[in-house]
Amino acid sequence: MANMFDIMSTANRALIVQQKAVKITGNNIANVNTPGYSRQRLNMSSAIPVNTGLGPMGNGVRAAGVERIYQSFLGVQINNETQSLGQWQAHKNTIERAETVFDETGGYGLNQVMSEFWTAWQDLTNNPSGHIQRSILTAKGEVLASTINKVYHDLQSNQQEIDAMITETVDEINRYTDQIVDLNLKIIETESGGYHANDYRDQRDQVLKGLAELIDINSFEEANGGVAVSVGSGYTLVQGTHQNTISTHRNARDLEDVTWVDPSNNTVTLNDSISAGKLRGWLDTRDQDIRNYLNRLDTMSQGLMDEVNSLHAAGYGLDGSNGNDFFTGSATAGGVMDSWLTITAEDGGAGNVSVSLVAGGTAGAELVTEDPVTGDIRIAIESGVSSRASIAAQLQGHPGIAAAVAAAPPDPATTLVTLGTGTDTVLLSGGLSADSIQVNSAIVNDTNLIAAASGFDTTPGDKPGDNSNAIAIADLQGALTMSDGTATFSDYYSSLVSDVGHAVLQADFYYGHQSQMVTQLENYRESVSGVSIDEEMVNLVKFQNAYQAAAKVIGTVDEMLQTVMNMF
């Protein structure tokens, strides 16, 4: 009788195990469309045999555990490529937005209005005293200035839009890391009890992938099952069940920096440490591409104003006036002026340098830093937010030390300062900001001030009426005044537009390439870890048959027992 019950016990265990296998198969089928779900498999092994008179005899089957079909190395590859995909996607979207600012297809682009401005000067040469021609020229000058202003403002608006996305993304990153901490806790608690936390691990991997799309991360699993996450050069975001948040801080250029606070409560700017993800793409567009476009627009505006004003101020208006600028504008350093200085002490001894604002200088803050690699000293002076004035500062050092001071773009200059007494003064001044260029208001109010003539007519008592100065200004259209005398204004701007187009094409190419890479890896992951309905249906039939067979064994044993019982 005992053997009969042993057989029934073996069959009963088989029923239970096959039932679990069917349940897991059903769970796989239910999650066939769940993103990031890794299929699971019930591992079965022989139960511990029992000793009999015939030796150890099989005791049926047991469930050895639920295995998650997953390759960790493949997950790391997907996250790495997702980081690059996020970077190029963000860069592509924002650089395409910047490209629309330089649209020349509608007939109202900057190149077109600049051409019309030169044409207006040419028309004035045909009738230098004509009030209609002077009014048209003034209007064309205002259109040119306002178009330059608009391009500049639109680019700045793009930077502000990117700032908003950076701020939103930083908040999203903190939400992701908070989820990772929560999942770490659940995984640690579950697996410390000897169970598998497969579903929690799938969820955590999905969160890590989402995080990787936003910022480059390094992650590794700890012994207790939790995962540690860091960014850049080891800036920890998650350590087990502890979270370090990141935040944004508005810098001197009125743009958002991404910051992290270390355990000693020191704030670290992460901008340069972020190497991938959407944050990197947005930072690249904002701080490299758009900043470059703004600087080049400043440079062109500065050149345009300098060249036109130089000739215009030397000419004469209809009223005999002289020395009037056609364009006006404000100089600005864009919020921060900084320079790299190489200071050499001949005595080889230790020295120091400090910077301070002199009396009458624009209110602001100064910063002196030293490059730890080269030993170069960087002096940065931050102006007031609304100030466009020059900044005067004092450099202090040992007598006889030479310092090369380069003003900030877009109008770079180099000044050699010899600090003979230990203290000297250097004036830092930015170039023209393209958002401030405009036609001289005096000319707008009185077009007689337009200096079309180079001098007076030879007849005594005549007013300035020749067209030689207007011709000279009109000829600036074809003059090689930009890029060290190698390009016209139109060439310079066309080169800028071309570079923007090239940046868009490059971003589109790399985005397409990364999309293919991620798609291929995702497809491979799906083939390894994904759910195949066909495979699950085969398994379902297999487990169903095994379940039915075990039930048949129980039924057979039951009949045998009934036969035995009927014998008495």
Protein backbone atom coordinates (compact mmCIF):
# COMPACT_ATOMS: atom_id res chain seq x y z
CA MET A 1 0.00 0.00 0.00
CA ALA A 2 2.85 2.34 0.81
CA ASN A 3 4.20 2.00 -2.73
CA MET A 4 0.78 2.88 -4.08
CA PHE A 5 0.77 6.13 -2.14
CA ASP A 6 4.34 6.88 -3.23
CA ILE A 7 3.21 6.58 -6.84
CA MET A 8 0.29 8.91 -6.17
CA SER A 9 2.57 11.40 -4.41
CA THR A 10 4.93 11.40 -7.39
CA ALA A 11 2.06 11.99 -9.80
CA ASN A 12 0.68 14.74 -7.56
CA ARG A 13 4.01 16.59 -7.60
CA ALA A 14 4.02 16.24 -11.39
CA LEU A 15 0.56 17.83 -11.52
CA ILE A 16 1.70 20.77 -9.40
CA VAL A 17 4.90 21.34 -11.40
CA GLN A 18 3.13 21.14 -14.78
CA GLN A 19 0.47 23.49 -13.46
CA LYS A 20 3.17 26.02 -12.54
CA ALA A 21 4.70 25.61 -16.00
CA VAL A 22 1.31 26.30 -17.61
CA LYS A 23 0.91 29.40 -15.40
CA ILE A 24 4.32 30.74 -16.44
CA THR A 25 3.52 30.04 -20.08
CA GLY A 26 0.26 31.95 -19.69
CA ASN A 27 2.15 34.84 -18.10
CA ASN A 28 4.55 34.89 -21.07
CA ILE A 29 1.64 34.97 -23.53
CA ALA A 30 -0.05 37.76 -21.55
CA ASN A 31 3.12 39.90 -21.74
CA VAL A 32 3.88 39.27 -25.41
CA ASN A 33 3.45 43.01 -26.13
CA THR A 34 4.85 44.36 -22.86
CA PRO A 35 7.92 46.55 -23.57
CA GLY A 36 11.07 45.17 -21.98
CA TYR A 37 9.47 41.95 -20.76
CA SER A 38 11.84 38.98 -20.68
CA ARG A 39 10.20 35.63 -21.07
CA GLN A 40 10.41 33.26 -18.15
CA ARG A 41 10.93 29.54 -17.96
CA LEU A 42 10.26 27.05 -15.20
CA ASN A 43 13.37 24.99 -14.62
CA MET A 44 12.57 21.44 -13.58
CA SER A 45 14.81 18.85 -11.99
CA SER A 46 14.41 15.35 -10.62
CA ALA A 47 13.26 15.16 -7.03
CA ILE A 48 15.58 13.64 -4.45
CA PRO A 49 15.39 9.85 -4.95
CA VAL A 50 14.21 7.54 -2.19
CA ASN A 51 16.10 4.51 -1.02
CA THR A 52 14.42 1.17 -1.57
CA GLY A 53 15.41 -2.45 -1.41
CA LEU A 54 16.30 -2.12 -5.06
CA GLY A 55 18.45 0.92 -4.40
CA PRO A 56 17.68 4.66 -4.94
CA MET A 57 14.48 5.06 -6.88
CA GLY A 58 13.18 8.16 -8.69
CA ASN A 59 10.77 10.31 -6.75
CA GLY A 60 9.30 12.43 -9.52
CA VAL A 61 9.94 16.06 -10.48
CA ARG A 62 10.40 19.32 -8.62
CA ALA A 63 10.38 23.01 -9.63
CA ALA A 64 13.98 24.24 -9.39
CA GLY A 65 13.12 27.90 -10.01
CA VAL A 66 11.79 30.44 -12.49
CA GLU A 67 14.51 31.57 -14.89
CA ARG A 68 14.49 34.95 -16.62
CA ILE A 69 15.81 34.59 -20.17
CA TYR A 70 18.07 37.62 -20.38
CA GLN A 71 21.59 38.57 -21.50
CA SER A 72 23.01 41.35 -19.34
CA PHE A 73 25.74 42.21 -21.85
CA LEU A 74 23.12 42.76 -24.53
CA GLY A 75 21.25 45.07 -22.18
CA VAL A 76 24.41 47.13 -21.66
CA GLN A 77 24.92 47.38 -25.43
CA ILE A 78 21.35 48.57 -25.96
CA ASN A 79 21.73 51.22 -23.25
CA ASN A 80 25.02 52.45 -24.71
CA GLU A 81 23.59 52.81 -28.20
CA THR A 82 20.39 54.34 -26.80
CA GLN A 83 22.53 57.05 -25.20
CA SER A 84 23.97 57.99 -28.58
CA LEU A 85 20.54 57.76 -30.20
CA GLY A 86 19.09 60.16 -27.64
CA GLN A 87 21.98 62.57 -28.20
CA TRP A 88 21.59 62.69 -31.98
CA GLN A 89 17.81 62.78 -31.81
CA ALA A 90 17.89 65.82 -29.53
CA HIS A 91 20.62 67.48 -31.59
CA LYS A 92 18.78 66.78 -34.84
CA ASN A 93 15.48 68.22 -33.62
CA THR A 94 17.01 71.39 -32.19
CA ILE A 95 19.46 72.07 -35.02
CA GLU A 96 16.60 71.67 -37.51
CA ARG A 97 14.69 74.26 -35.49
CA ALA A 98 17.69 76.59 -35.69
CA GLU A 99 17.90 76.05 -39.45
CA THR A 100 14.45 77.56 -39.91
CA VAL A 101 15.82 80.85 -38.57
CA PHE A 102 18.12 81.07 -41.60
CA ASP A 103 15.43 80.24 -44.16
CA GLU A 104 16.26 82.05 -47.41
CA THR A 105 13.58 80.43 -49.57
CA GLY A 106 10.73 82.88 -48.90
CA GLY A 107 12.41 85.93 -50.40
CA TYR A 108 12.75 87.66 -47.03
CA GLY A 109 15.96 86.12 -45.82
CA LEU A 110 18.87 88.15 -44.52
CA ASN A 111 20.86 87.74 -47.73
CA GLN A 112 17.92 89.13 -49.72
CA VAL A 113 17.36 92.19 -47.53
CA MET A 114 21.12 92.83 -47.43
CA SER A 115 21.14 92.81 -51.24
CA GLU A 116 18.22 95.24 -51.29
CA PHE A 117 20.12 97.51 -48.89
CA TRP A 118 23.09 97.69 -51.25
CA THR A 119 20.73 98.24 -54.19
CA ALA A 120 19.20 101.20 -52.35
CA TRP A 121 22.66 102.74 -52.04
CA GLN A 122 23.20 102.13 -55.74
CA ASP A 123 19.88 103.84 -56.52
CA LEU A 124 20.96 106.79 -54.41
CA THR A 125 24.06 107.21 -56.58
CA ASN A 126 21.75 107.97 -59.51
CA ASN A 127 20.00 110.76 -57.61
CA PRO A 128 22.03 111.64 -54.49
CA SER A 129 19.77 114.52 -53.50
CA GLY A 130 16.51 112.64 -54.09
CA HIS A 131 14.32 112.50 -51.00
CA ILE A 132 12.49 109.41 -52.26
CA GLN A 133 15.75 107.51 -52.75
CA ARG A 134 16.93 108.61 -49.29
CA SER A 135 13.67 107.50 -47.68
CA ILE A 136 13.86 104.13 -49.44
CA LEU A 137 17.48 103.70 -48.33
CA THR A 138 16.54 104.49 -44.74
CA ALA A 139 13.68 101.99 -44.89
CA LYS A 140 15.91 99.30 -46.40
CA GLY A 141 18.49 99.95 -43.69
CA GLU A 142 15.83 99.56 -41.02
CA VAL A 143 14.60 96.32 -42.61
CA LEU A 144 18.17 95.00 -42.71
CA ALA A 145 18.80 95.93 -39.07
CA SER A 146 15.47 94.49 -37.90
CA THR A 147 16.10 91.28 -39.86
CA ILE A 148 19.50 90.89 -38.20
CA ASN A 149 17.84 91.60 -34.85
CA LYS A 150 15.16 88.99 -35.54
CA VAL A 151 17.62 86.28 -36.55
CA TYR A 152 19.58 86.98 -33.36
CA HIS A 153 16.47 86.98 -31.16
CA ASP A 154 15.13 83.82 -32.80
CA LEU A 155 18.40 82.03 -32.08
CA GLN A 156 18.26 83.21 -28.49
CA SER A 157 14.67 81.97 -28.30
CA ASN A 158 15.93 78.59 -29.49
CA GLN A 159 18.41 78.59 -26.63
CA GLN A 160 15.62 79.38 -24.18
CA GLU A 161 13.47 76.59 -25.63
CA ILE A 162 16.36 74.18 -25.17
CA ASP A 163 16.76 75.45 -21.61
CA ALA A 164 13.14 74.55 -20.91
CA MET A 165 13.71 71.05 -22.29
CA ILE A 166 16.87 70.67 -20.20
CA THR A 167 14.98 71.63 -17.04
CA GLU A 168 12.13 69.21 -17.82
CA THR A 169 14.63 66.45 -18.60
CA VAL A 170 16.51 66.96 -15.33
CA ASP A 171 13.21 66.52 -13.49
CA GLU A 172 12.53 63.37 -15.53
CA ILE A 173 15.99 62.01 -14.70
CA ASN A 174 15.28 62.48 -11.00
CA ARG A 175 11.98 60.63 -11.38
CA TYR A 176 13.80 57.77 -13.10
CA THR A 177 16.45 57.52 -10.40
CA ASP A 178 13.71 57.59 -7.75
CA GLN A 179 12.05 54.63 -9.50
CA ILE A 180 15.38 52.78 -9.60
CA VAL A 181 15.81 53.26 -5.86
CA ASP A 182 12.29 51.90 -5.27
CA LEU A 183 12.90 48.89 -7.54
CA ASN A 184 16.29 48.26 -5.92
CA LEU A 185 14.55 48.02 -2.57
CA LYS A 186 11.94 45.57 -3.90
CA ILE A 187 14.57 43.41 -5.61
CA ILE A 188 16.80 43.30 -2.54
CA GLU A 189 13.88 42.36 -0.28
CA THR A 190 12.55 39.72 -2.69
CA GLU A 191 15.85 38.03 -3.47
CA SER A 192 17.07 38.11 0.12
CA GLY A 193 14.16 35.74 0.83
CA GLY A 194 15.43 33.28 -1.76
CA TYR A 195 12.98 34.22 -4.52
CA HIS A 196 13.50 35.57 -8.03
CA ALA A 197 12.54 39.21 -8.70
CA ASN A 198 12.25 38.74 -12.46
CA ASP A 199 9.42 41.20 -13.07
CA TYR A 200 11.07 43.88 -10.93
CA ARG A 201 14.31 43.37 -12.84
CA ASP A 202 12.52 43.83 -16.16
CA GLN A 203 10.96 47.03 -14.88
CA ARG A 204 14.31 48.30 -13.64
CA ASP A 205 15.99 47.55 -16.97
CA GLN A 206 13.27 49.54 -18.74
CA VAL A 207 13.85 52.48 -16.40
CA LEU A 208 17.61 52.27 -16.99
CA LYS A 209 17.01 52.31 -20.74
CA GLY A 210 14.78 55.36 -20.41
CA LEU A 211 17.43 57.04 -18.27
CA ALA A 212 20.15 56.19 -20.81
CA GLU A 213 18.17 57.98 -23.51
CA LEU A 214 18.39 61.18 -21.47
CA ILE A 215 21.93 61.08 -20.06
CA ASP A 216 24.99 58.86 -20.29
CA ILE A 217 25.06 56.45 -17.38
CA ASN A 218 27.34 53.79 -15.98
CA SER A 219 25.58 51.06 -14.02
CA PHE A 220 26.65 47.89 -12.28
CA GLU A 221 24.84 45.38 -10.13
CA GLU A 222 25.81 45.05 -6.50
CA ALA A 223 26.03 41.78 -4.59
CA ASN A 224 22.61 42.24 -2.99
CA GLY A 225 20.88 42.68 -6.35
CA GLY A 226 20.63 46.45 -6.25
CA VAL A 227 22.13 48.53 -9.03
CA ALA A 228 24.43 51.55 -8.72
CA VAL A 229 24.15 54.31 -11.31
CA SER A 230 26.59 57.13 -11.99
CA VAL A 231 27.01 59.76 -14.67
CA GLY A 232 30.09 61.33 -16.19
CA SER A 233 33.28 60.80 -14.23
CA GLY A 234 31.70 58.93 -11.33
CA TYR A 235 29.00 61.34 -10.17
CA THR A 236 26.67 58.96 -8.33
CA LEU A 237 22.94 59.17 -8.98
CA VAL A 238 21.88 55.91 -7.30
CA GLN A 239 23.70 53.80 -4.73
CA GLY A 240 21.54 50.93 -3.55
CA THR A 241 18.54 52.57 -1.91
CA HIS A 242 20.07 56.08 -1.83
CA GLN A 243 19.40 58.72 -4.49
CA ASN A 244 21.41 61.81 -5.44
CA THR A 245 19.34 64.24 -7.48
CA ILE A 246 20.62 66.63 -10.11
CA SER A 247 19.28 70.11 -10.74
CA THR A 248 19.67 73.14 -12.97
CA HIS A 249 21.29 76.46 -12.16
CA ARG A 250 21.12 79.61 -14.29
CA ASN A 251 24.62 80.71 -15.23
CA ALA A 252 26.09 84.10 -16.09
CA ARG A 253 24.94 83.78 -19.70
CA ASP A 254 21.36 83.39 -18.45
CA LEU A 255 21.32 79.74 -19.52
CA GLU A 256 20.76 76.60 -17.48
CA ASP A 257 23.68 74.51 -16.23
CA VAL A 258 23.14 70.92 -15.08
CA THR A 259 24.49 70.55 -11.55
CA TRP A 260 25.09 67.81 -8.98
CA VAL A 261 25.78 68.13 -5.27
CA ASP A 262 28.50 65.91 -3.81
CA PRO A 263 28.38 64.35 -0.31
CA SER A 264 30.22 67.39 1.06
CA ASN A 265 27.44 69.64 -0.27
CA ASN A 266 29.63 71.11 -3.01
CA THR A 267 27.87 71.95 -6.27
CA VAL A 268 29.47 70.52 -9.41
CA THR A 269 28.54 71.62 -12.93
CA LEU A 270 28.03 68.54 -15.10
CA ASN A 271 27.77 70.19 -18.54
CA ASP A 272 31.20 69.07 -19.71
CA SER A 273 30.95 65.67 -17.99
CA ILE A 274 27.78 64.64 -19.82
CA SER A 275 28.92 62.76 -22.92
CA ALA A 276 25.71 61.34 -24.39
CA GLY A 277 21.94 61.26 -24.12
CA LYS A 278 19.45 63.97 -24.98
CA LEU A 279 21.07 66.36 -22.51
CA ARG A 280 24.33 66.19 -24.46
CA GLY A 281 22.52 66.81 -27.74
CA TRP A 282 20.72 69.84 -26.37
CA LEU A 283 23.85 71.23 -24.72
CA ASP A 284 25.79 70.81 -27.97
CA THR A 285 23.17 72.70 -29.96
CA ARG A 286 22.78 75.45 -27.38
CA ASP A 287 26.39 76.00 -26.30
CA GLN A 288 28.28 75.12 -29.46
CA ASP A 289 26.16 75.47 -32.58
CA ILE A 290 23.80 78.31 -31.68
CA ARG A 291 26.47 80.14 -29.73
CA ASN A 292 28.73 79.91 -32.77
CA TYR A 293 25.94 81.24 -35.00
CA LEU A 294 25.32 84.15 -32.63
CA ASN A 295 29.02 85.02 -32.53
CA ARG A 296 29.29 84.94 -36.31
CA LEU A 297 26.19 87.08 -36.64
CA ASP A 298 27.78 89.53 -34.20
CA THR A 299 30.97 89.52 -36.26
CA MET A 300 29.10 90.20 -39.51
CA SER A 301 27.03 92.97 -37.90
CA GLN A 302 30.17 94.52 -36.44
CA GLY A 303 31.88 94.43 -39.82
CA LEU A 304 28.83 95.84 -41.59
CA MET A 305 28.50 98.70 -39.12
CA ASP A 306 32.22 99.47 -39.09
CA GLU A 307 32.60 99.52 -42.88
CA VAL A 308 29.44 101.53 -43.59
CA ASN A 309 30.00 103.95 -40.72
CA SER A 310 33.65 104.49 -41.62
CA LEU A 311 32.72 105.72 -45.08
CA HIS A 312 29.50 107.43 -44.03
CA ALA A 313 31.11 109.45 -41.25
CA ALA A 314 33.71 110.72 -43.72
CA GLY A 315 31.04 111.95 -46.14
CA TYR A 316 28.63 114.85 -46.12
CA GLY A 317 24.85 115.05 -45.95
CA LEU A 318 22.64 117.41 -47.91
CA ASP A 319 22.71 119.79 -44.96
CA GLY A 320 26.51 119.82 -44.95
CA SER A 321 26.75 117.70 -41.81
CA ASN A 322 29.71 115.38 -41.35
CA GLY A 323 30.76 112.63 -38.95
CA ASN A 324 27.38 110.93 -38.68
CA ASP A 325 27.20 107.16 -38.29
CA PHE A 326 24.61 105.38 -40.43
CA PHE A 327 24.26 102.45 -38.03
CA THR A 328 24.35 102.46 -34.25
CA GLY A 329 24.57 99.60 -31.80
CA SER A 330 25.65 98.56 -28.35
CA ALA A 331 28.71 96.59 -27.36
CA THR A 332 28.14 93.65 -25.08
CA ALA A 333 30.11 90.72 -23.84
CA GLY A 334 27.09 88.48 -23.73
CA GLY A 335 27.06 88.32 -19.94
CA VAL A 336 30.57 87.01 -19.34
CA MET A 337 33.96 88.08 -20.60
CA ASP A 338 36.72 85.61 -20.02
CA SER A 339 40.25 85.18 -21.24
CA TRP A 340 43.11 82.73 -20.91
CA LEU A 341 46.31 84.38 -19.76
CA THR A 342 49.76 82.85 -19.75
CA ILE A 343 51.87 84.53 -17.06
CA THR A 344 55.57 83.70 -16.87
CA ALA A 345 57.71 84.56 -13.85
CA GLU A 346 61.40 84.71 -14.75
CA ASP A 347 62.51 84.16 -11.15
CA GLY A 348 60.87 80.74 -11.09
CA GLY A 349 59.29 81.42 -7.73
CA ALA A 350 55.70 81.10 -6.64
CA GLY A 351 53.36 83.94 -7.52
CA ASN A 352 49.73 84.89 -7.49
CA VAL A 353 47.27 86.91 -9.49
CA SER A 354 44.07 88.66 -8.50
CA VAL A 355 41.46 90.69 -10.32
CA SER A 356 39.18 93.46 -9.13
CA LEU A 357 36.87 96.02 -10.65
CA VAL A 358 38.19 99.57 -10.55
CA ALA A 359 36.15 102.55 -9.49
CA GLY A 360 33.60 103.41 -12.12
CA GLY A 361 33.69 99.93 -13.60
CA THR A 362 30.48 98.10 -14.33
CA ALA A 363 29.11 96.19 -11.36
CA GLY A 364 29.72 92.50 -11.60
CA ALA A 365 31.60 89.52 -10.22
CA GLU A 366 35.07 88.28 -10.98
CA LEU A 367 36.57 84.79 -10.93
CA VAL A 368 40.20 83.71 -11.08
CA THR A 369 40.91 80.05 -11.83
CA GLU A 370 43.99 78.06 -12.72
CA ASP A 371 44.14 75.20 -15.21
CA PRO A 372 45.54 72.25 -13.20
CA VAL A 373 47.17 70.75 -16.28
CA THR A 374 48.87 73.71 -17.95
CA GLY A 375 49.05 76.08 -15.02
CA ASP A 376 47.40 78.79 -17.13
CA ILE A 377 45.29 81.27 -15.22
CA ARG A 378 41.81 82.16 -16.36
CA ILE A 379 40.22 85.44 -15.33
CA ALA A 380 36.48 85.76 -15.88
CA ILE A 381 34.56 88.95 -15.18
CA GLU A 382 30.79 88.77 -15.12
CA SER A 383 28.94 91.92 -16.05
CA GLY A 384 25.51 93.00 -14.89
CA VAL A 385 22.64 91.34 -16.71
CA SER A 386 21.40 94.51 -18.39
CA SER A 387 24.76 96.19 -18.85
CA ARG A 388 26.35 96.78 -22.22
CA ALA A 389 29.20 98.92 -20.92
CA SER A 390 32.87 98.10 -20.94
CA ILE A 391 34.39 96.52 -17.86
CA ALA A 392 37.56 97.91 -16.35
CA ALA A 393 39.60 95.59 -14.17
CA GLN A 394 42.93 95.54 -12.41
CA LEU A 395 45.42 92.70 -12.73
CA GLN A 396 47.88 92.35 -9.88
CA GLY A 397 51.12 90.45 -10.09
CA HIS A 398 54.88 90.64 -9.70
CA PRO A 399 56.81 93.39 -11.51
CA GLY A 400 57.91 92.49 -15.01
CA ILE A 401 55.29 89.81 -15.63
CA ALA A 402 53.72 89.91 -19.09
CA ALA A 403 50.10 88.87 -19.54
CA ALA A 404 48.31 88.40 -22.85
CA VAL A 405 44.69 89.45 -22.55
CA ALA A 406 42.21 88.32 -25.19
CA ALA A 407 38.78 89.97 -25.15
CA ALA A 408 35.78 87.75 -25.53
CA PRO A 409 34.28 87.03 -28.97
CA PRO A 410 32.94 88.26 -31.30
CA ASP A 411 35.55 91.00 -31.55
CA PRO A 412 38.73 89.37 -30.26
CA ALA A 413 41.68 91.55 -29.46
CA THR A 414 45.02 90.95 -27.79
CA THR A 415 46.58 93.43 -25.39
CA LEU A 416 50.00 92.99 -23.80
CA VAL A 417 50.12 94.30 -20.28
CA THR A 418 53.43 94.56 -18.42
CA LEU A 419 52.81 94.76 -14.72
CA GLY A 420 55.72 96.94 -13.74
CA THR A 421 54.55 97.98 -10.30
CA GLY A 422 52.53 94.96 -9.39
CA THR A 423 49.21 96.50 -10.43
CA ASP A 424 47.95 97.58 -13.82
CA THR A 425 44.60 98.16 -15.46
CA VAL A 426 43.17 96.54 -18.55
CA LEU A 427 39.91 97.45 -20.25
CA LEU A 428 37.80 94.57 -21.53
CA SER A 429 35.07 95.45 -24.00
CA GLY A 430 32.88 93.21 -26.08
CA GLY A 431 32.05 93.83 -29.72
CA LEU A 432 28.71 94.75 -31.24
CA SER A 433 25.76 92.59 -30.34
CA ALA A 434 23.71 91.87 -33.46
CA ASP A 435 20.47 92.33 -31.55
CA SER A 436 21.25 96.01 -31.05
CA ILE A 437 22.20 97.19 -34.54
CA GLN A 438 19.85 99.83 -35.92
CA VAL A 439 19.78 102.80 -38.25
CA ASN A 440 20.85 106.01 -36.55
CA SER A 441 17.66 107.59 -35.20
CA ALA A 442 18.87 111.01 -36.37
CA ILE A 443 18.96 109.73 -39.96
CA VAL A 444 15.54 108.13 -39.57
CA ASN A 445 14.18 111.52 -38.52
CA ASP A 446 16.10 113.50 -41.15
CA THR A 447 17.24 111.72 -44.32
CA ASN A 448 19.24 114.82 -45.31
CA LEU A 449 21.90 113.47 -42.93
CA ILE A 450 22.63 110.56 -45.28
CA ALA A 451 26.16 111.25 -46.50
CA ALA A 452 26.08 110.51 -50.22
CA ALA A 453 28.77 113.07 -51.02
CA SER A 454 32.46 113.06 -50.33
CA GLY A 455 32.68 116.86 -50.28
CA PHE A 456 31.25 120.14 -51.55
CA ASP A 457 30.70 121.01 -55.20
CA THR A 458 33.26 123.31 -56.68
CA THR A 459 30.76 126.11 -57.25
CA PRO A 460 30.87 128.53 -54.30
CA GLY A 461 27.78 128.33 -52.15
CA ASP A 462 26.74 124.90 -53.41
CA LYS A 463 25.67 122.15 -50.99
CA PRO A 464 27.16 118.66 -50.93
CA GLY A 465 25.50 116.95 -53.82
CA ASP A 466 27.87 114.51 -55.51
CA ASN A 467 27.44 110.75 -55.26
CA SER A 468 31.00 109.57 -54.69
CA ASN A 469 30.46 108.52 -51.08
CA ALA A 470 27.27 106.67 -51.98
CA ILE A 471 29.20 104.84 -54.70
CA ALA A 472 31.90 103.89 -52.21
CA ILE A 473 29.33 102.51 -49.78
CA ALA A 474 27.44 100.68 -52.54
CA ASP A 475 30.73 99.09 -53.61
CA LEU A 476 31.00 97.48 -50.18
CA GLN A 477 28.60 94.85 -51.51
CA GLY A 478 31.40 93.24 -53.49
CA ALA A 479 34.30 94.23 -51.24
CA LEU A 480 36.30 91.50 -49.47
CA THR A 481 35.82 92.89 -45.99
CA MET A 482 35.14 89.71 -44.00
CA SER A 483 37.18 86.68 -42.94
CA ASP A 484 40.51 88.51 -43.08
CA GLY A 485 39.78 90.02 -46.47
CA THR A 486 38.67 86.81 -48.20
CA ALA A 487 34.88 87.17 -48.26
CA THR A 488 32.11 89.67 -48.88
CA PHE A 489 29.30 90.19 -46.43
CA SER A 490 27.09 87.96 -48.57
CA ASP A 491 29.81 85.30 -48.79
CA TYR A 492 30.26 85.36 -45.02
CA TYR A 493 26.57 84.98 -44.30
CA SER A 494 26.12 82.34 -47.01
CA SER A 495 28.95 80.38 -45.40
CA LEU A 496 27.11 80.58 -42.08
CA VAL A 497 23.87 79.34 -43.66
CA SER A 498 25.80 76.56 -45.41
CA ASP A 499 27.37 75.46 -42.12
CA VAL A 500 23.93 75.30 -40.51
CA GLY A 501 22.70 73.10 -43.36
CA HIS A 502 25.75 70.87 -43.03
CA ALA A 503 25.13 70.49 -39.29
CA VAL A 504 21.54 69.43 -40.02
CA LEU A 505 22.68 66.84 -42.57
CA GLN A 506 25.29 65.50 -40.17
CA ALA A 507 22.79 65.21 -37.32
CA ASP A 508 20.27 63.51 -39.61
CA PHE A 509 22.90 61.01 -40.77
CA TYR A 510 24.08 60.05 -37.30
CA TYR A 511 20.52 59.88 -36.00
CA GLY A 512 19.58 57.49 -38.81
CA HIS A 513 22.69 55.40 -38.17
CA GLN A 514 22.00 55.14 -34.44
CA SER A 515 18.35 54.32 -35.07
CA GLN A 516 19.42 51.34 -37.17
CA MET A 517 21.91 50.23 -34.52
CA VAL A 518 19.33 50.33 -31.74
CA THR A 519 16.71 48.62 -33.91
CA GLN A 520 19.10 45.78 -34.74
CA LEU A 521 20.00 45.31 -31.08
CA GLU A 522 16.35 45.45 -30.04
CA ASN A 523 15.47 42.83 -32.64
CA TYR A 524 18.29 40.61 -31.39
CA ARG A 525 17.14 41.08 -27.81
CA GLU A 526 13.62 40.14 -28.87
CA SER A 527 14.91 36.95 -30.45
CA VAL A 528 16.75 36.07 -27.24
CA SER A 529 14.44 37.33 -24.51
CA GLY A 530 11.17 38.12 -26.22
CA VAL A 531 8.02 36.01 -26.21
CA SER A 532 7.28 33.84 -29.25
CA ILE A 533 3.61 32.92 -29.42
CA ASP A 534 4.39 29.84 -31.52
CA GLU A 535 6.95 28.62 -29.01
CA GLU A 536 4.66 29.26 -26.07
CA MET A 537 1.80 27.37 -27.75
CA VAL A 538 4.09 24.37 -28.25
CA ASN A 539 5.11 24.56 -24.59
CA LEU A 540 1.49 24.89 -23.55
CA VAL A 541 0.55 21.69 -25.37
CA LYS A 542 3.60 19.94 -23.92
CA PHE A 543 2.78 20.91 -20.34
CA GLN A 544 -0.90 20.14 -20.87
CA ASN A 545 -0.08 16.63 -22.06
CA ALA A 546 2.25 16.10 -19.10
CA TYR A 547 -0.47 17.34 -16.74
CA GLN A 548 -3.02 14.99 -18.30
CA ALA A 549 -0.59 12.07 -18.09
CA ALA A 550 0.07 12.76 -14.40
CA ALA A 551 -3.66 12.94 -13.80
CA LYS A 552 -4.01 9.63 -15.62
CA VAL A 553 -1.43 8.10 -13.27
CA ILE A 554 -3.43 9.31 -10.28
CA GLY A 555 -6.59 7.87 -11.82
CA THR A 556 -4.88 4.55 -12.43
CA VAL A 557 -3.55 4.38 -8.87
CA ASP A 558 -7.01 5.23 -7.61
CA GLU A 559 -8.50 2.31 -9.59
CA MET A 560 -5.81 0.01 -8.26
CA LEU A 561 -6.56 1.09 -4.71
CA GLN A 562 -10.27 0.52 -5.27
CA THR A 563 -9.51 -2.98 -6.52
CA VAL A 564 -7.46 -3.72 -3.44
CA MET A 565 -10.14 -2.29 -1.14
CA ASN A 566 -12.84 -4.41 -2.83
CA MET A 567 -10.86 -7.54 -2.02
CA PHE A 568 -11.76 -7.17 1.63
